[in-house]
Amino acid sequence: MKKAVEEDVFIPLYPKSTVEDKSSPCSKFQERRFWSAVKLLSNVVLWDGIVQEDKVRALGLSKLLNRYLLLNILNTPLGPENTEKCRKVVACLPERWFQGLRSGSTLPELVSFCQHLLQ
């Protein structure tokens, strides 16, 4: 899993003017890579309970979400597309990780993502 996250994930960042046209090859490629990384996140998280939780969280949240997915989400204009991306990422996260947290708090790896959701 670590090798897949470190070597197979690549989401290019293009200038906004390049990806605003959703029919452009750059925009389409970036979107395919984003959704591929979301699928990898969901697969990594499936190992929760089998592999040590801290390892799964490090790969899924620290590396995939914060290093790749969040950059793409932050560069997507606010609106339905951004909301859908965030919703799909949240759907990957196991509820078990949030049990025992105080109300209004989150996992340390999710602070930046939560700040974006609040916006």
N, C-alpha and C. Protein backbone atom coordinates (compact mmCIF):
# COMPACT_ATOMS: atom_id res chain seq x y z
N MET A 1 0.84 -1.19 0.00
CA MET A 1 0.00 0.00 0.00
C MET A 1 0.88 1.25 0.00
N LYS A 2 1.91 1.20 0.82
CA LYS A 2 2.80 2.36 0.91
C LYS A 2 3.43 2.66 -0.45
N LYS A 3 3.85 1.62 -1.14
CA LYS A 3 4.48 1.79 -2.45
C LYS A 3 3.47 2.40 -3.44
N ALA A 4 2.24 1.93 -3.40
CA ALA A 4 1.21 2.47 -4.29
C ALA A 4 0.98 3.95 -4.03
N VAL A 5 0.89 4.32 -2.75
CA VAL A 5 0.65 5.72 -2.40
C VAL A 5 1.83 6.59 -2.81
N GLU A 6 3.04 6.11 -2.53
CA GLU A 6 4.23 6.93 -2.79
C GLU A 6 4.64 6.96 -4.26
N GLU A 7 4.34 5.90 -5.01
CA GLU A 7 4.85 5.84 -6.38
C GLU A 7 3.78 5.95 -7.46
N ASP A 8 2.55 5.59 -7.15
CA ASP A 8 1.53 5.54 -8.20
C ASP A 8 0.62 6.76 -8.22
N VAL A 9 0.57 7.50 -7.14
CA VAL A 9 -0.35 8.65 -7.10
C VAL A 9 0.34 9.87 -7.69
N PHE A 10 -0.33 10.47 -8.64
CA PHE A 10 0.16 11.70 -9.25
C PHE A 10 -1.04 12.49 -9.71
N ILE A 11 -1.21 13.65 -9.11
CA ILE A 11 -2.29 14.55 -9.53
C ILE A 11 -1.62 15.87 -9.92
N PRO A 12 -1.54 16.14 -11.21
CA PRO A 12 -0.86 17.37 -11.63
C PRO A 12 -1.67 18.60 -11.24
N LEU A 13 -0.96 19.67 -10.97
CA LEU A 13 -1.61 20.95 -10.71
C LEU A 13 -1.35 21.84 -11.91
N TYR A 14 -2.42 22.21 -12.57
CA TYR A 14 -2.33 23.09 -13.73
C TYR A 14 -2.85 24.46 -13.33
N PRO A 15 -2.48 25.51 -14.08
CA PRO A 15 -3.05 26.83 -13.81
C PRO A 15 -4.58 26.77 -13.93
N LYS A 16 -5.25 27.58 -13.11
CA LYS A 16 -6.72 27.57 -13.12
C LYS A 16 -7.28 27.82 -14.51
N SER A 17 -6.62 28.68 -15.26
CA SER A 17 -7.12 28.98 -16.60
C SER A 17 -7.11 27.74 -17.50
N THR A 18 -6.20 26.83 -17.24
CA THR A 18 -6.11 25.60 -18.03
C THR A 18 -7.20 24.61 -17.69
N VAL A 19 -7.56 24.50 -16.41
CA VAL A 19 -8.53 23.49 -16.00
C VAL A 19 -9.96 24.01 -15.87
N GLU A 20 -10.14 25.33 -16.05
CA GLU A 20 -11.50 25.86 -16.00
C GLU A 20 -12.35 25.30 -17.14
N ASP A 21 -11.71 25.04 -18.27
CA ASP A 21 -12.41 24.42 -19.39
C ASP A 21 -12.45 22.92 -19.11
N LYS A 22 -13.59 22.43 -18.67
CA LYS A 22 -13.73 21.02 -18.26
C LYS A 22 -13.53 20.04 -19.42
N SER A 23 -13.56 20.54 -20.65
CA SER A 23 -13.35 19.64 -21.78
C SER A 23 -11.89 19.58 -22.21
N SER A 24 -11.03 20.37 -21.57
CA SER A 24 -9.62 20.36 -21.95
C SER A 24 -8.95 19.07 -21.50
N PRO A 25 -7.96 18.61 -22.25
CA PRO A 25 -7.25 17.37 -21.87
C PRO A 25 -6.61 17.47 -20.48
N CYS A 26 -6.09 18.62 -20.13
CA CYS A 26 -5.47 18.79 -18.81
C CYS A 26 -6.49 18.62 -17.70
N SER A 27 -7.64 19.23 -17.87
CA SER A 27 -8.70 19.13 -16.87
C SER A 27 -9.18 17.70 -16.73
N LYS A 28 -9.39 17.04 -17.84
CA LYS A 28 -9.86 15.65 -17.80
C LYS A 28 -8.83 14.73 -17.14
N PHE A 29 -7.56 14.93 -17.47
CA PHE A 29 -6.50 14.11 -16.88
C PHE A 29 -6.43 14.34 -15.37
N GLN A 30 -6.47 15.59 -14.96
CA GLN A 30 -6.42 15.91 -13.53
C GLN A 30 -7.59 15.28 -12.78
N GLU A 31 -8.77 15.33 -13.35
CA GLU A 31 -9.94 14.75 -12.71
C GLU A 31 -9.83 13.22 -12.61
N ARG A 32 -9.37 12.58 -13.68
CA ARG A 32 -9.17 11.12 -13.62
C ARG A 32 -8.18 10.74 -12.53
N ARG A 33 -7.11 11.48 -12.41
CA ARG A 33 -6.10 11.19 -11.41
C ARG A 33 -6.66 11.43 -10.00
N PHE A 34 -7.46 12.48 -9.84
CA PHE A 34 -8.07 12.75 -8.54
C PHE A 34 -8.97 11.59 -8.11
N TRP A 35 -9.86 11.16 -9.01
CA TRP A 35 -10.80 10.09 -8.65
C TRP A 35 -10.08 8.76 -8.46
N SER A 36 -9.00 8.56 -9.15
CA SER A 36 -8.19 7.36 -8.94
C SER A 36 -7.59 7.38 -7.53
N ALA A 37 -7.14 8.54 -7.09
CA ALA A 37 -6.57 8.67 -5.73
C ALA A 37 -7.66 8.51 -4.67
N VAL A 38 -8.88 8.97 -4.94
CA VAL A 38 -9.98 8.76 -3.99
C VAL A 38 -10.27 7.27 -3.87
N LYS A 39 -10.25 6.56 -4.98
CA LYS A 39 -10.48 5.12 -4.94
C LYS A 39 -9.38 4.42 -4.14
N LEU A 40 -8.14 4.86 -4.32
CA LEU A 40 -7.04 4.30 -3.54
C LEU A 40 -7.24 4.59 -2.06
N LEU A 41 -7.69 5.81 -1.71
CA LEU A 41 -7.98 6.14 -0.32
C LEU A 41 -9.02 5.18 0.25
N SER A 42 -10.08 4.93 -0.50
CA SER A 42 -11.12 4.02 0.01
C SER A 42 -10.56 2.61 0.19
N ASN A 43 -9.68 2.18 -0.69
CA ASN A 43 -9.07 0.86 -0.57
C ASN A 43 -8.10 0.78 0.61
N VAL A 44 -7.32 1.82 0.82
CA VAL A 44 -6.39 1.85 1.96
C VAL A 44 -7.17 1.77 3.26
N VAL A 45 -8.25 2.53 3.35
CA VAL A 45 -9.04 2.59 4.59
C VAL A 45 -9.73 1.26 4.87
N LEU A 46 -9.98 0.47 3.85
CA LEU A 46 -10.58 -0.85 4.06
C LEU A 46 -9.69 -1.75 4.94
N TRP A 47 -8.42 -1.45 4.99
CA TRP A 47 -7.48 -2.24 5.80
C TRP A 47 -7.53 -1.87 7.28
N ASP A 48 -8.31 -0.85 7.63
CA ASP A 48 -8.46 -0.48 9.04
C ASP A 48 -9.04 -1.66 9.81
N GLY A 49 -8.41 -1.98 10.92
CA GLY A 49 -8.83 -3.12 11.71
C GLY A 49 -8.03 -4.36 11.40
N ILE A 50 -7.36 -4.37 10.26
CA ILE A 50 -6.50 -5.48 9.88
C ILE A 50 -5.03 -5.05 10.07
N VAL A 51 -4.73 -3.87 9.51
CA VAL A 51 -3.41 -3.26 9.67
C VAL A 51 -3.54 -2.23 10.80
N GLN A 52 -2.44 -1.96 11.49
CA GLN A 52 -2.48 -1.01 12.60
C GLN A 52 -3.11 0.31 12.15
N GLU A 53 -4.00 0.84 13.01
CA GLU A 53 -4.73 2.05 12.67
C GLU A 53 -3.81 3.22 12.36
N ASP A 54 -2.73 3.39 13.12
CA ASP A 54 -1.84 4.52 12.87
C ASP A 54 -1.18 4.43 11.49
N LYS A 55 -0.92 3.22 11.02
CA LYS A 55 -0.33 3.04 9.68
C LYS A 55 -1.36 3.39 8.60
N VAL A 56 -2.59 2.94 8.79
CA VAL A 56 -3.65 3.23 7.82
C VAL A 56 -3.93 4.74 7.78
N ARG A 57 -3.99 5.36 8.95
CA ARG A 57 -4.23 6.80 9.00
C ARG A 57 -3.08 7.58 8.38
N ALA A 58 -1.85 7.14 8.61
CA ALA A 58 -0.70 7.83 8.03
C ALA A 58 -0.75 7.77 6.51
N LEU A 59 -1.02 6.59 5.97
CA LEU A 59 -1.09 6.45 4.51
C LEU A 59 -2.30 7.17 3.93
N GLY A 60 -3.46 6.92 4.52
CA GLY A 60 -4.70 7.46 3.96
C GLY A 60 -4.87 8.95 4.16
N LEU A 61 -4.59 9.40 5.37
CA LEU A 61 -4.84 10.81 5.67
C LEU A 61 -3.62 11.70 5.44
N SER A 62 -2.52 11.34 6.09
CA SER A 62 -1.34 12.21 5.99
C SER A 62 -0.78 12.25 4.58
N LYS A 63 -0.72 11.09 3.94
CA LYS A 63 -0.10 11.07 2.61
C LYS A 63 -1.11 11.30 1.49
N LEU A 64 -2.15 10.50 1.41
CA LEU A 64 -3.10 10.64 0.29
C LEU A 64 -3.94 11.90 0.39
N LEU A 65 -4.64 12.06 1.49
CA LEU A 65 -5.55 13.20 1.61
C LEU A 65 -4.79 14.51 1.66
N ASN A 66 -3.89 14.65 2.60
CA ASN A 66 -3.23 15.94 2.79
C ASN A 66 -2.19 16.27 1.73
N ARG A 67 -1.57 15.28 1.14
CA ARG A 67 -0.52 15.55 0.15
C ARG A 67 -1.07 15.69 -1.26
N TYR A 68 -2.11 14.97 -1.59
CA TYR A 68 -2.60 14.96 -2.97
C TYR A 68 -4.03 15.47 -3.11
N LEU A 69 -4.95 14.83 -2.42
CA LEU A 69 -6.37 15.14 -2.63
C LEU A 69 -6.73 16.56 -2.19
N LEU A 70 -6.23 16.96 -1.04
CA LEU A 70 -6.61 18.28 -0.52
C LEU A 70 -6.15 19.40 -1.43
N LEU A 71 -4.98 19.26 -2.03
CA LEU A 71 -4.50 20.30 -2.96
C LEU A 71 -5.47 20.46 -4.13
N ASN A 72 -5.94 19.35 -4.66
CA ASN A 72 -6.88 19.41 -5.76
C ASN A 72 -8.21 20.02 -5.30
N ILE A 73 -8.68 19.62 -4.14
CA ILE A 73 -9.93 20.15 -3.62
C ILE A 73 -9.84 21.66 -3.41
N LEU A 74 -8.73 22.12 -2.86
CA LEU A 74 -8.55 23.55 -2.60
C LEU A 74 -8.46 24.35 -3.90
N ASN A 75 -8.03 23.71 -4.98
CA ASN A 75 -7.94 24.40 -6.27
C ASN A 75 -9.19 24.25 -7.12
N THR A 76 -10.18 23.54 -6.61
CA THR A 76 -11.46 23.41 -7.29
C THR A 76 -12.37 24.53 -6.80
N PRO A 77 -12.95 25.31 -7.71
CA PRO A 77 -13.84 26.39 -7.28
C PRO A 77 -14.97 25.87 -6.38
N LEU A 78 -15.34 26.68 -5.39
CA LEU A 78 -16.43 26.30 -4.50
C LEU A 78 -17.70 26.14 -5.32
N GLY A 79 -18.43 25.09 -5.02
CA GLY A 79 -19.66 24.80 -5.75
C GLY A 79 -19.95 23.32 -5.71
N PRO A 80 -20.87 22.87 -6.55
CA PRO A 80 -21.28 21.46 -6.52
C PRO A 80 -20.14 20.47 -6.75
N GLU A 81 -19.22 20.78 -7.64
CA GLU A 81 -18.11 19.86 -7.92
C GLU A 81 -17.21 19.72 -6.68
N ASN A 82 -16.92 20.83 -6.03
CA ASN A 82 -16.09 20.80 -4.82
C ASN A 82 -16.80 20.04 -3.71
N THR A 83 -18.08 20.27 -3.58
CA THR A 83 -18.88 19.59 -2.56
C THR A 83 -18.89 18.08 -2.79
N GLU A 84 -19.01 17.67 -4.04
CA GLU A 84 -19.02 16.25 -4.37
C GLU A 84 -17.68 15.60 -4.04
N LYS A 85 -16.60 16.28 -4.34
CA LYS A 85 -15.28 15.75 -4.01
C LYS A 85 -15.13 15.57 -2.50
N CYS A 86 -15.53 16.58 -1.75
CA CYS A 86 -15.44 16.50 -0.29
C CYS A 86 -16.32 15.38 0.25
N ARG A 87 -17.52 15.26 -0.28
CA ARG A 87 -18.45 14.22 0.16
C ARG A 87 -17.86 12.83 -0.06
N LYS A 88 -17.25 12.61 -1.20
CA LYS A 88 -16.66 11.30 -1.51
C LYS A 88 -15.49 10.99 -0.58
N VAL A 89 -14.69 12.00 -0.26
CA VAL A 89 -13.58 11.79 0.68
C VAL A 89 -14.12 11.44 2.06
N VAL A 90 -15.11 12.18 2.53
CA VAL A 90 -15.70 11.91 3.85
C VAL A 90 -16.30 10.51 3.89
N ALA A 91 -16.90 10.08 2.79
CA ALA A 91 -17.51 8.74 2.75
C ALA A 91 -16.48 7.63 2.92
N CYS A 92 -15.23 7.91 2.63
CA CYS A 92 -14.16 6.90 2.78
C CYS A 92 -13.74 6.70 4.24
N LEU A 93 -13.99 7.68 5.07
CA LEU A 93 -13.45 7.66 6.43
C LEU A 93 -14.29 6.79 7.36
N PRO A 94 -13.64 5.87 8.08
CA PRO A 94 -14.38 5.00 9.00
C PRO A 94 -14.92 5.77 10.20
N GLU A 95 -16.18 5.54 10.53
CA GLU A 95 -16.80 6.20 11.68
C GLU A 95 -16.04 5.90 12.97
N ARG A 96 -15.47 4.73 13.04
CA ARG A 96 -14.74 4.30 14.24
C ARG A 96 -13.63 5.28 14.62
N TRP A 97 -13.03 5.93 13.64
CA TRP A 97 -11.95 6.88 13.92
C TRP A 97 -12.44 8.10 14.69
N PHE A 98 -13.72 8.35 14.68
CA PHE A 98 -14.25 9.56 15.30
C PHE A 98 -14.92 9.30 16.64
N GLN A 99 -15.02 8.05 17.01
CA GLN A 99 -15.61 7.71 18.30
C GLN A 99 -14.67 8.16 19.41
N GLY A 100 -15.23 8.75 20.42
CA GLY A 100 -14.43 9.19 21.56
C GLY A 100 -13.85 10.58 21.40
N LEU A 101 -14.06 11.22 20.26
CA LEU A 101 -13.58 12.60 20.10
C LEU A 101 -14.57 13.55 20.76
N ARG A 102 -14.04 14.62 21.32
CA ARG A 102 -14.91 15.64 21.90
C ARG A 102 -15.73 16.30 20.79
N SER A 103 -16.88 16.80 21.15
CA SER A 103 -17.72 17.50 20.19
C SER A 103 -16.95 18.71 19.65
N GLY A 104 -16.98 18.89 18.35
CA GLY A 104 -16.30 20.02 17.72
C GLY A 104 -14.83 19.77 17.45
N SER A 105 -14.33 18.58 17.76
CA SER A 105 -12.93 18.29 17.49
C SER A 105 -12.83 17.26 16.37
N THR A 106 -11.63 17.08 15.87
CA THR A 106 -11.41 16.12 14.79
C THR A 106 -10.04 15.49 14.93
N LEU A 107 -9.72 14.61 14.04
CA LEU A 107 -8.41 13.98 14.02
C LEU A 107 -7.37 15.02 13.60
N PRO A 108 -6.17 14.97 14.15
CA PRO A 108 -5.15 15.96 13.78
C PRO A 108 -4.87 15.99 12.27
N GLU A 109 -4.94 14.84 11.62
CA GLU A 109 -4.68 14.78 10.18
C GLU A 109 -5.79 15.42 9.35
N LEU A 110 -6.93 15.70 9.96
CA LEU A 110 -8.06 16.25 9.21
C LEU A 110 -8.30 17.74 9.45
N VAL A 111 -7.43 18.39 10.18
CA VAL A 111 -7.64 19.80 10.52
C VAL A 111 -7.77 20.67 9.27
N SER A 112 -6.86 20.54 8.33
CA SER A 112 -6.91 21.37 7.12
C SER A 112 -8.15 21.07 6.29
N PHE A 113 -8.50 19.80 6.17
CA PHE A 113 -9.69 19.42 5.43
C PHE A 113 -10.94 19.98 6.10
N CYS A 114 -11.00 19.91 7.41
CA CYS A 114 -12.15 20.45 8.15
C CYS A 114 -12.26 21.96 7.99
N GLN A 115 -11.13 22.64 7.99
CA GLN A 115 -11.15 24.10 7.78
C GLN A 115 -11.74 24.43 6.41
N HIS A 116 -11.40 23.63 5.41
CA HIS A 116 -11.97 23.84 4.08
C HIS A 116 -13.48 23.59 4.10
N LEU A 117 -13.90 22.53 4.78
CA LEU A 117 -15.33 22.22 4.85
C LEU A 117 -16.10 23.35 5.53
N LEU A 118 -15.50 23.97 6.53
CA LEU A 118 -16.17 25.08 7.22
C LEU A 118 -16.34 26.29 6.32
N GLN A 119 -15.43 26.46 5.38
CA GLN A 119 -15.56 27.59 4.44
C GLN A 119 -16.76 27.37 3.56
